[in-house]
Amino acid sequence: MGQAKLSIENTRKSRVRWFVVFMLFVLTTINYADRATLSIVGDSVQRDLGLSAVSMGYVFSAFGWAYVIGQLPGGWLLDKFGSKIVIAASVFFWSLFTFFQGFIGFFSAGIAIIMLFSLRFIVGLAEAPSFPGNSRIVASWFPKSERGTASAIFNSAQYFALVLFSPLMAWIVHRFDWHMVFIVMGVLGMILAGVWLKVIHSPKKHPRITKEEIAYIEEGGGLVDMDEGKERKEGKEKETKKGPQWSQVKQLLTNRMLVGVYLGQYCITTLTYFFLTWFPVYLVQARGMSILEAGFISSLPAICGFVGGVLGGIVSDFFLKKGRSLTFARKTPIVIGMLLSCSMIACNYVDAEWLVVVIMSLAFFGKGFGALGWAVVSDTSPKEIAGLSGGLFNTFGNIASITTPIIIGYIVNATGSFNGALVFVGANAIVAILSYLLLVGEIKRVELKGAGMKPESNLKM
């Protein structure tokens, strides 16, 4: 008992794991800011290039097509080469092609549209390993009892990105033009890639970590050896290691719990991409705001989303520390958060701008509070294919990055109103609740069947 107390005290002196999650937060902030660039400048781009709502929906979706295509290859690369180098390459290349978007104004409208779609597509492909990589790092750096908070911190960066960068990007458009937004964001990301390579290491190789902290993480279920042998040791060659088997995907796809998690993530990501794509356009076109006003007002719901995101993880881990089951601790914030997100439909029945902002802030808070999918991935992924498992989860979730902007574009084009779009997004929150309550069941780590053994399906009711 005395040794355990001493270990915990020493661990408190070494909290390198929280610096690691801070770096994940910074990286994810830039990640989502780059995704949101087109959203902030969307009205200007739509006018300059002469795009209809449907065409704009397809341009918004370009990122999503590539992001989904890249998930499984990205997860495979993470399991093969480790999180550090793959994430660094991801950040550099998505930032480089964000930077290039700043120069499409030098071309004619027809060519500019093709280039914008193509560059957004490449950005999506480059970003694909980012979130599965975040999940792998949290699984290796954090014990189970802290994973909800750690995952919520990096996931909440999507809201912080809008809080910090929506006003900044709107000001850049107002002061200069929309091309400059892409140039500024691209440069920031390329700088971050260099910083990441300098400061990130696997747990056992970090120069500032103590043995006590490693023991604390490992005893709590942290997979500290996940990337051992993937980083170059001084004076030695890299250890060659067989990559994950693609046949193992079948075992994940036939697991009822994971299928429910995948469906829930698709629905939650639908809410994410409404806010990342059409929300600022909604404020300009449906509520009559200027781009500058929309940029600043977008940050208010985002602040609530950020608070909700961090609070959801803290509440989930609080339940675990109080002895509640992992299933209860993860599902409760998700269900409550999605119920709050449905409130956005009420915007169809109010006229006052301030009330719209209040309702959207509540919906965004709920979306953040319930966004614990990556904590669930860290809790459930098999150690052998953690990156591939995260990639599969993100594949299903980010199909919504394709469908959401396109469906909303068709709804707005057909009806001339955003009312149906808000109903569509709110309905997805309801489906997410039903998926977690009726399909997921007990949340636990998936154990892979041995090679050559036929995996049993858990889909039978």
Protein backbone atom coordinates (compact mmCIF):
# COMPACT_ATOMS: atom_id res chain seq x y z
CA MET A 1 0.00 0.00 0.00
CA GLY A 2 2.87 2.33 0.93
CA GLN A 3 4.66 1.53 -2.36
CA ALA A 4 1.50 2.25 -4.34
CA LYS A 5 1.15 5.65 -2.64
CA LEU A 6 4.80 6.44 -3.33
CA SER A 7 4.36 5.42 -6.98
CA ILE A 8 1.37 7.73 -7.41
CA GLU A 9 3.23 10.62 -5.75
CA ASN A 10 6.22 10.15 -8.05
CA THR A 11 3.90 9.92 -11.03
CA ARG A 12 2.52 13.33 -10.16
CA LYS A 13 6.01 14.76 -10.54
CA SER A 14 6.18 13.33 -14.06
CA ARG A 15 3.16 14.15 -16.19
CA VAL A 16 4.63 13.84 -19.62
CA ARG A 17 1.46 12.12 -20.84
CA TRP A 18 -0.48 15.39 -20.40
CA PHE A 19 2.07 17.26 -22.52
CA VAL A 20 1.57 14.60 -25.19
CA VAL A 21 -2.19 15.12 -25.16
CA PHE A 22 -1.58 18.89 -25.31
CA MET A 23 0.37 18.32 -28.53
CA LEU A 24 -2.50 16.20 -29.85
CA PHE A 25 -4.81 19.11 -28.99
CA VAL A 26 -2.65 21.58 -30.93
CA LEU A 27 -2.36 19.24 -33.90
CA THR A 28 -6.11 18.59 -33.98
CA THR A 29 -6.82 22.33 -33.73
CA ILE A 30 -4.83 22.94 -36.92
CA ASN A 31 -6.41 19.82 -38.47
CA TYR A 32 -9.94 21.13 -38.00
CA ALA A 33 -9.03 24.71 -38.82
CA ASP A 34 -7.77 23.50 -42.21
CA ARG A 35 -10.98 21.54 -42.73
CA ALA A 36 -13.00 24.66 -41.90
CA THR A 37 -11.12 27.05 -44.22
CA LEU A 38 -13.53 26.46 -47.11
CA SER A 39 -16.50 26.81 -44.77
CA ILE A 40 -15.44 30.28 -43.61
CA VAL A 41 -14.66 31.52 -47.13
CA GLY A 42 -17.51 29.50 -48.67
CA ASP A 43 -19.85 32.38 -49.46
CA SER A 44 -17.04 34.36 -51.16
CA VAL A 45 -15.87 31.30 -53.11
CA GLN A 46 -19.44 30.50 -54.13
CA ARG A 47 -19.92 34.03 -55.51
CA ASP A 48 -16.48 34.33 -57.16
CA LEU A 49 -16.67 30.95 -58.89
CA GLY A 50 -20.42 31.08 -59.62
CA LEU A 51 -21.33 27.86 -57.77
CA SER A 52 -24.89 26.70 -57.00
CA ALA A 53 -25.76 25.21 -53.58
CA VAL A 54 -25.52 21.69 -55.06
CA SER A 55 -22.12 22.40 -56.65
CA MET A 56 -20.90 23.89 -53.37
CA GLY A 57 -22.05 20.76 -51.58
CA TYR A 58 -19.93 18.61 -53.88
CA VAL A 59 -16.89 20.87 -53.40
CA PHE A 60 -17.39 20.63 -49.61
CA SER A 61 -17.53 16.83 -49.98
CA ALA A 62 -14.18 16.56 -51.84
CA PHE A 63 -12.31 16.36 -48.54
CA GLY A 64 -14.62 13.61 -47.29
CA TRP A 65 -14.24 11.30 -50.31
CA ALA A 66 -10.47 11.17 -49.90
CA TYR A 67 -10.58 11.11 -46.10
CA VAL A 68 -12.74 7.99 -46.17
CA ILE A 69 -10.65 6.30 -48.89
CA GLY A 70 -7.48 6.95 -46.87
CA GLN A 71 -8.65 5.59 -43.52
CA LEU A 72 -7.69 1.92 -43.83
CA PRO A 73 -4.40 2.57 -45.64
CA GLY A 74 -3.66 5.27 -43.05
CA GLY A 75 -4.40 2.88 -40.19
CA TRP A 76 -2.20 0.23 -41.79
CA LEU A 77 0.67 2.72 -42.09
CA LEU A 78 0.29 3.64 -38.41
CA ASP A 79 0.48 -0.02 -37.33
CA LYS A 80 3.43 -0.65 -39.63
CA PHE A 81 5.57 2.45 -39.02
CA GLY A 82 4.26 3.92 -35.76
CA SER A 83 2.35 7.07 -34.87
CA LYS A 84 5.15 9.65 -34.71
CA ILE A 85 6.48 9.56 -38.28
CA VAL A 86 3.13 8.91 -39.98
CA ILE A 87 1.40 11.80 -38.19
CA ALA A 88 4.30 14.15 -38.96
CA ALA A 89 4.08 13.32 -42.67
CA SER A 90 0.30 13.70 -42.52
CA VAL A 91 0.49 17.20 -41.01
CA PHE A 92 3.13 18.37 -43.48
CA PHE A 93 1.34 17.22 -46.62
CA TRP A 94 -2.17 18.35 -45.66
CA SER A 95 -0.71 21.77 -44.82
CA LEU A 96 1.25 21.93 -48.08
CA PHE A 97 -1.87 21.31 -50.16
CA THR A 98 -3.89 23.73 -48.04
CA PHE A 99 -1.22 26.31 -48.88
CA PHE A 100 -1.59 25.57 -52.61
CA GLN A 101 -5.33 26.38 -52.45
CA GLY A 102 -4.38 30.00 -51.91
CA PHE A 103 -3.25 30.26 -55.56
CA ILE A 104 -6.29 28.94 -57.43
CA GLY A 105 -7.45 32.54 -57.97
CA PHE A 106 -4.83 32.89 -60.71
CA PHE A 107 -6.80 30.50 -62.93
CA SER A 108 -10.09 30.80 -64.81
CA ALA A 109 -13.29 29.87 -62.95
CA GLY A 110 -13.68 26.44 -64.62
CA ILE A 111 -10.09 25.37 -63.94
CA ALA A 112 -10.20 26.93 -60.45
CA ILE A 113 -13.20 24.77 -59.48
CA ILE A 114 -11.41 21.60 -60.66
CA MET A 115 -8.24 22.60 -58.82
CA LEU A 116 -10.13 23.45 -55.63
CA PHE A 117 -11.90 20.08 -55.66
CA SER A 118 -8.61 18.25 -56.39
CA LEU A 119 -6.64 20.05 -53.69
CA ARG A 120 -9.38 19.51 -51.10
CA PHE A 121 -9.35 15.85 -52.10
CA ILE A 122 -5.58 15.59 -51.51
CA VAL A 123 -5.92 17.37 -48.14
CA GLY A 124 -8.50 14.76 -47.10
CA LEU A 125 -6.17 11.94 -48.14
CA ALA A 126 -3.27 13.45 -46.19
CA GLU A 127 -5.38 13.97 -43.05
CA ALA A 128 -6.65 10.37 -42.99
CA PRO A 129 -4.11 8.96 -40.46
CA SER A 130 -4.53 11.85 -37.99
CA PHE A 131 -7.38 10.69 -35.75
CA PRO A 132 -6.52 6.96 -35.77
CA GLY A 133 -3.00 8.10 -34.84
CA ASN A 134 -4.38 10.22 -31.99
CA SER A 135 -6.31 7.19 -30.73
CA ARG A 136 -3.20 4.98 -30.84
CA ILE A 137 -1.19 7.57 -28.89
CA VAL A 138 -3.89 7.86 -26.21
CA ALA A 139 -4.08 4.05 -25.93
CA SER A 140 -0.30 3.85 -25.42
CA TRP A 141 0.15 6.91 -23.18
CA PHE A 142 -2.89 6.72 -20.87
CA PRO A 143 -4.40 4.24 -18.41
CA LYS A 144 -8.04 3.31 -18.98
CA SER A 145 -9.25 5.59 -16.16
CA GLU A 146 -7.82 8.69 -17.92
CA ARG A 147 -8.57 7.81 -21.53
CA GLY A 148 -11.97 9.51 -21.61
CA THR A 149 -10.48 12.83 -20.52
CA ALA A 150 -7.46 12.51 -22.83
CA SER A 151 -9.62 11.64 -25.85
CA ALA A 152 -12.09 14.41 -25.01
CA ILE A 153 -9.23 16.94 -24.83
CA PHE A 154 -7.88 16.22 -28.30
CA ASN A 155 -11.38 15.77 -29.74
CA SER A 156 -12.54 19.10 -28.26
CA ALA A 157 -9.89 20.80 -30.36
CA GLN A 158 -12.36 20.70 -33.26
CA TYR A 159 -14.42 23.29 -31.37
CA PHE A 160 -11.42 25.28 -30.20
CA ALA A 161 -10.32 25.47 -33.85
CA LEU A 162 -13.54 27.28 -34.68
CA VAL A 163 -13.29 29.49 -31.58
CA LEU A 164 -9.76 30.58 -32.43
CA PHE A 165 -9.65 30.50 -36.21
CA SER A 166 -13.18 31.39 -37.37
CA PRO A 167 -12.81 35.06 -36.30
CA LEU A 168 -9.20 35.12 -37.54
CA MET A 169 -10.05 33.68 -40.95
CA ALA A 170 -13.10 35.94 -41.28
CA TRP A 171 -10.89 38.96 -40.52
CA ILE A 172 -8.32 37.81 -43.10
CA VAL A 173 -11.09 37.56 -45.74
CA HIS A 174 -12.40 40.99 -44.76
CA ARG A 175 -8.96 42.64 -44.63
CA PHE A 176 -7.28 40.88 -47.57
CA ASP A 177 -9.18 38.20 -49.53
CA TRP A 178 -10.17 34.53 -49.21
CA HIS A 179 -6.98 33.25 -50.90
CA MET A 180 -4.83 34.46 -47.99
CA VAL A 181 -6.71 32.21 -45.53
CA PHE A 182 -5.31 29.08 -47.19
CA ILE A 183 -1.77 30.47 -47.33
CA VAL A 184 -1.68 31.41 -43.63
CA MET A 185 -3.12 28.07 -42.48
CA GLY A 186 -0.77 26.08 -44.71
CA VAL A 187 2.33 27.78 -43.30
CA LEU A 188 1.18 27.20 -39.69
CA GLY A 189 0.69 23.49 -40.33
CA MET A 190 4.10 22.96 -41.95
CA ILE A 191 5.77 24.58 -38.94
CA LEU A 192 3.79 22.29 -36.62
CA ALA A 193 5.03 19.18 -38.46
CA GLY A 194 8.63 20.08 -37.57
CA VAL A 195 7.75 20.75 -33.93
CA TRP A 196 5.92 17.41 -33.70
CA LEU A 197 8.99 15.46 -34.89
CA LYS A 198 11.13 17.23 -32.30
CA VAL A 199 9.02 16.71 -29.17
CA ILE A 200 7.01 13.47 -29.60
CA HIS A 201 8.33 10.03 -28.62
CA SER A 202 6.87 6.68 -27.61
CA PRO A 203 6.41 6.31 -23.79
CA LYS A 204 9.53 4.27 -23.06
CA LYS A 205 11.76 6.49 -25.21
CA HIS A 206 10.63 9.90 -23.94
CA PRO A 207 13.62 11.69 -22.35
CA ARG A 208 11.56 13.31 -19.56
CA ILE A 209 9.35 10.43 -18.41
CA THR A 210 9.98 8.63 -15.12
CA LYS A 211 9.83 4.89 -14.48
CA GLU A 212 6.97 5.54 -12.07
CA GLU A 213 4.87 7.20 -14.74
CA ILE A 214 5.52 4.36 -17.19
CA ALA A 215 4.52 1.84 -14.50
CA TYR A 216 1.38 3.84 -13.68
CA ILE A 217 0.33 3.92 -17.34
CA GLU A 218 1.10 0.25 -17.90
CA GLU A 219 -0.62 -0.98 -14.72
CA GLY A 220 -3.72 1.01 -15.70
CA GLY A 221 -4.00 -0.71 -19.07
CA GLY A 222 -1.89 1.62 -21.22
CA LEU A 223 -0.29 -0.12 -24.21
CA VAL A 224 3.17 1.38 -23.67
CA ASP A 225 4.91 -1.10 -25.99
CA MET A 226 2.63 -0.41 -28.98
CA ASP A 227 5.26 1.41 -31.03
CA GLU A 228 8.37 -0.22 -29.60
CA GLY A 229 10.70 -1.27 -32.41
CA LYS A 230 9.15 1.21 -34.88
CA GLU A 231 11.34 4.20 -33.99
CA ARG A 232 15.04 4.27 -34.93
CA LYS A 233 17.30 3.48 -32.00
CA GLU A 234 20.62 5.27 -31.80
CA GLY A 235 23.29 3.25 -33.60
CA LYS A 236 20.82 0.50 -34.61
CA GLU A 237 18.58 -0.19 -37.55
CA LYS A 238 14.81 -0.19 -37.26
CA GLU A 239 13.28 -3.45 -36.27
CA THR A 240 11.30 -4.93 -39.16
CA LYS A 241 7.86 -6.04 -38.15
CA LYS A 242 5.12 -7.70 -40.14
CA GLY A 243 2.22 -5.34 -40.82
CA PRO A 244 -1.37 -6.01 -39.79
CA GLN A 245 -3.36 -8.63 -41.67
CA TRP A 246 -6.19 -7.30 -43.81
CA SER A 247 -8.22 -10.42 -43.04
CA GLN A 248 -8.53 -9.15 -39.46
CA VAL A 249 -10.91 -6.44 -40.68
CA LYS A 250 -13.59 -9.14 -41.01
CA GLN A 251 -13.43 -9.79 -37.28
CA LEU A 252 -14.10 -6.13 -36.58
CA LEU A 253 -16.96 -5.91 -39.07
CA THR A 254 -18.73 -8.95 -37.58
CA ASN A 255 -18.65 -7.62 -34.03
CA ARG A 256 -22.07 -6.28 -33.02
CA MET A 257 -20.68 -3.82 -30.49
CA LEU A 258 -18.37 -2.25 -33.05
CA VAL A 259 -21.06 -2.09 -35.75
CA GLY A 260 -23.21 -0.08 -33.30
CA VAL A 261 -20.26 2.20 -32.51
CA TYR A 262 -19.61 2.73 -36.24
CA LEU A 263 -23.24 3.64 -36.93
CA GLY A 264 -23.29 6.00 -33.96
CA GLN A 265 -20.11 7.68 -35.16
CA TYR A 266 -21.56 8.20 -38.64
CA CYS A 267 -24.51 10.04 -37.10
CA ILE A 268 -22.35 12.12 -34.73
CA THR A 269 -20.03 13.05 -37.61
CA THR A 270 -23.07 14.29 -39.55
CA LEU A 271 -23.48 16.94 -36.84
CA THR A 272 -19.76 17.74 -37.04
CA TYR A 273 -19.84 18.35 -40.78
CA PHE A 274 -22.93 20.50 -40.66
CA PHE A 275 -21.00 22.83 -38.38
CA LEU A 276 -17.78 22.51 -40.41
CA THR A 277 -19.35 23.14 -43.82
CA TRP A 278 -22.80 24.73 -44.02
CA PHE A 279 -23.18 26.46 -40.65
CA PRO A 280 -21.37 29.73 -41.53
CA VAL A 281 -23.15 29.73 -44.92
CA TYR A 282 -26.45 29.23 -43.04
CA LEU A 283 -25.71 32.29 -40.90
CA VAL A 284 -24.94 34.41 -43.99
CA GLN A 285 -27.67 33.19 -46.35
CA ALA A 286 -30.52 32.25 -43.98
CA ARG A 287 -29.89 34.76 -41.20
CA GLY A 288 -28.55 37.69 -43.24
CA MET A 289 -25.20 38.12 -41.48
CA SER A 290 -21.99 39.38 -43.08
CA ILE A 291 -19.00 37.04 -43.42
CA LEU A 292 -17.24 38.92 -40.62
CA GLU A 293 -20.30 38.60 -38.35
CA ALA A 294 -20.70 34.91 -39.22
CA GLY A 295 -17.04 34.25 -38.43
CA PHE A 296 -17.29 35.78 -34.97
CA ILE A 297 -20.75 34.37 -34.17
CA SER A 298 -19.65 30.87 -35.26
CA SER A 299 -17.12 31.00 -32.45
CA LEU A 300 -19.81 31.28 -29.75
CA PRO A 301 -21.40 27.83 -30.31
CA ALA A 302 -17.86 26.50 -30.79
CA ILE A 303 -16.90 27.70 -27.29
CA CYS A 304 -19.85 25.74 -25.92
CA GLY A 305 -18.80 22.71 -27.96
CA PHE A 306 -15.29 22.95 -26.54
CA VAL A 307 -16.58 23.14 -22.95
CA GLY A 308 -18.97 20.27 -23.61
CA GLY A 309 -16.23 18.19 -25.20
CA VAL A 310 -13.85 18.46 -22.25
CA LEU A 311 -16.67 18.07 -19.71
CA GLY A 312 -17.99 14.91 -21.40
CA GLY A 313 -14.62 13.18 -21.00
CA ILE A 314 -14.24 14.34 -17.39
CA VAL A 315 -17.74 13.11 -16.50
CA SER A 316 -17.11 9.77 -18.18
CA ASP A 317 -13.84 9.20 -16.27
CA PHE A 318 -15.53 10.39 -13.04
CA PHE A 319 -18.09 7.60 -13.42
CA LEU A 320 -15.27 5.08 -13.90
CA LYS A 321 -13.43 6.27 -10.79
CA LYS A 322 -16.68 5.98 -8.82
CA GLY A 323 -16.89 2.32 -9.75
CA ARG A 324 -19.46 2.50 -12.55
CA SER A 325 -18.96 0.18 -15.50
CA LEU A 326 -17.08 1.25 -18.62
CA THR A 327 -20.31 0.80 -20.57
CA PHE A 328 -22.27 3.17 -18.31
CA ALA A 329 -19.41 5.69 -18.15
CA ARG A 330 -19.10 5.99 -21.94
CA LYS A 331 -22.76 5.67 -22.99
CA THR A 332 -24.30 8.14 -20.53
CA PRO A 333 -22.58 11.30 -21.84
CA ILE A 334 -23.18 10.17 -25.43
CA VAL A 335 -26.94 9.77 -24.94
CA ILE A 336 -27.31 13.05 -22.99
CA GLY A 337 -25.19 14.95 -25.51
CA MET A 338 -27.14 13.72 -28.53
CA LEU A 339 -30.45 14.62 -26.87
CA LEU A 340 -29.18 18.19 -26.42
CA SER A 341 -28.00 18.30 -30.04
CA CYS A 342 -31.55 17.71 -31.28
CA SER A 343 -32.43 21.18 -30.00
CA MET A 344 -31.07 22.74 -33.22
CA ILE A 345 -34.39 21.91 -34.91
CA ALA A 346 -35.97 24.63 -32.74
CA CYS A 347 -34.08 27.24 -34.85
CA ASN A 348 -36.73 26.65 -37.53
CA TYR A 349 -39.31 28.25 -35.25
CA VAL A 350 -37.50 31.39 -34.07
CA ASP A 351 -36.58 34.65 -35.81
CA ALA A 352 -34.35 36.46 -33.32
CA GLU A 353 -30.66 36.09 -34.18
CA TRP A 354 -29.61 35.95 -30.53
CA LEU A 355 -32.01 33.05 -29.91
CA VAL A 356 -30.61 31.15 -32.89
CA VAL A 357 -27.12 31.56 -31.44
CA VAL A 358 -28.31 30.33 -28.00
CA ILE A 359 -30.00 27.25 -29.49
CA MET A 360 -27.03 26.40 -31.69
CA SER A 361 -24.72 26.85 -28.70
CA LEU A 362 -26.78 24.32 -26.72
CA ALA A 363 -26.73 21.90 -29.66
CA PHE A 364 -22.97 22.35 -30.08
CA PHE A 365 -22.43 21.81 -26.33
CA GLY A 366 -24.38 18.56 -26.58
CA LYS A 367 -22.45 17.43 -29.62
CA GLY A 368 -19.19 18.01 -27.73
CA PHE A 369 -20.45 16.37 -24.53
CA GLY A 370 -21.42 13.23 -26.42
CA ALA A 371 -18.38 12.96 -28.70
CA LEU A 372 -16.67 10.10 -26.86
CA GLY A 373 -16.25 7.83 -29.88
CA TRP A 374 -12.46 7.99 -29.82
CA ALA A 375 -12.39 7.06 -26.14
CA VAL A 376 -14.52 4.03 -27.04
CA VAL A 377 -12.05 3.16 -29.83
CA SER A 378 -9.14 3.32 -27.36
CA ASP A 379 -11.14 1.06 -25.00
CA THR A 380 -12.12 -1.51 -27.62
CA SER A 381 -9.40 -1.74 -30.31
CA PRO A 382 -7.27 -4.90 -30.41
CA LYS A 383 -3.66 -4.03 -29.55
CA GLU A 384 -2.33 -5.76 -32.68
CA ILE A 385 -4.34 -3.57 -35.08
CA ALA A 386 -5.14 -0.44 -33.08
CA GLY A 387 -4.40 1.83 -36.03
CA LEU A 388 -6.42 -0.28 -38.47
CA SER A 389 -9.31 -0.44 -35.98
CA GLY A 390 -9.26 3.34 -35.58
CA GLY A 391 -9.09 3.73 -39.35
CA LEU A 392 -12.15 1.50 -39.83
CA PHE A 393 -14.07 3.45 -37.18
CA ASN A 394 -13.13 6.71 -38.86
CA THR A 395 -14.05 5.32 -42.28
CA PHE A 396 -17.64 4.69 -41.22
CA GLY A 397 -17.85 7.96 -39.32
CA ASN A 398 -16.51 10.07 -42.12
CA ILE A 399 -18.79 8.72 -44.80
CA ALA A 400 -20.85 11.52 -43.24
CA SER A 401 -18.23 14.02 -44.43
CA ILE A 402 -19.28 13.05 -47.96
CA THR A 403 -23.02 12.65 -47.52
CA THR A 404 -23.75 15.58 -45.17
CA PRO A 405 -22.64 18.52 -47.36
CA ILE A 406 -24.18 16.94 -50.49
CA ILE A 407 -27.54 16.10 -48.87
CA ILE A 408 -27.80 19.55 -47.30
CA GLY A 409 -26.88 21.12 -50.66
CA TYR A 410 -29.74 19.26 -52.36
CA ILE A 411 -32.19 20.13 -49.56
CA VAL A 412 -31.32 23.84 -49.72
CA ASN A 413 -31.38 23.86 -53.52
CA ALA A 414 -34.77 22.10 -53.68
CA THR A 415 -36.54 24.01 -50.90
CA GLY A 416 -34.72 27.35 -50.88
CA SER A 417 -34.49 27.00 -47.10
CA PHE A 418 -32.27 25.47 -44.41
CA ASN A 419 -35.26 24.20 -42.36
CA GLY A 420 -35.17 20.68 -43.79
CA ALA A 421 -31.39 20.59 -43.34
CA LEU A 422 -31.69 21.22 -39.60
CA VAL A 423 -34.30 18.46 -39.29
CA PHE A 424 -32.00 16.08 -41.17
CA VAL A 425 -29.06 16.83 -38.87
CA GLY A 426 -31.18 16.59 -35.69
CA ALA A 427 -32.59 13.22 -36.80
CA ASN A 428 -29.06 11.83 -36.99
CA ALA A 429 -28.58 12.61 -33.29
CA ILE A 430 -31.64 10.45 -32.52
CA VAL A 431 -30.26 7.54 -34.58
CA ALA A 432 -26.94 7.81 -32.69
CA ILE A 433 -28.79 7.42 -29.39
CA LEU A 434 -30.70 4.36 -30.64
CA SER A 435 -27.50 2.79 -31.94
CA TYR A 436 -25.71 3.06 -28.59
CA LEU A 437 -28.76 1.91 -26.60
CA LEU A 438 -29.92 -0.96 -28.83
CA LEU A 439 -26.88 -2.21 -30.74
CA VAL A 440 -23.66 -1.56 -28.83
CA GLY A 441 -24.30 -3.56 -25.65
CA GLU A 442 -21.30 -3.98 -23.32
CA ILE A 443 -18.24 -1.91 -24.20
CA LYS A 444 -15.05 -3.99 -23.91
CA ARG A 445 -11.76 -4.64 -25.72
CA VAL A 446 -12.05 -6.91 -28.75
CA GLU A 447 -9.85 -10.01 -28.66
CA LEU A 448 -8.75 -11.20 -32.10
CA LYS A 449 -9.17 -14.86 -32.98
CA GLY A 450 -6.02 -16.83 -33.72
CA ALA A 451 -4.67 -17.17 -37.25
CA GLY A 452 -6.48 -19.76 -39.27
CA MET A 453 -9.51 -19.75 -36.97
CA LYS A 454 -12.85 -18.69 -38.32
CA PRO A 455 -14.07 -15.70 -36.27
CA GLU A 456 -17.45 -16.06 -34.69
CA SER A 457 -19.98 -13.40 -35.61
CA ASN A 458 -21.40 -11.31 -32.81
CA LEU A 459 -24.08 -9.87 -35.04
CA LYS A 460 -26.64 -12.51 -34.19
CA MET A 461 -29.33 -10.97 -32.05
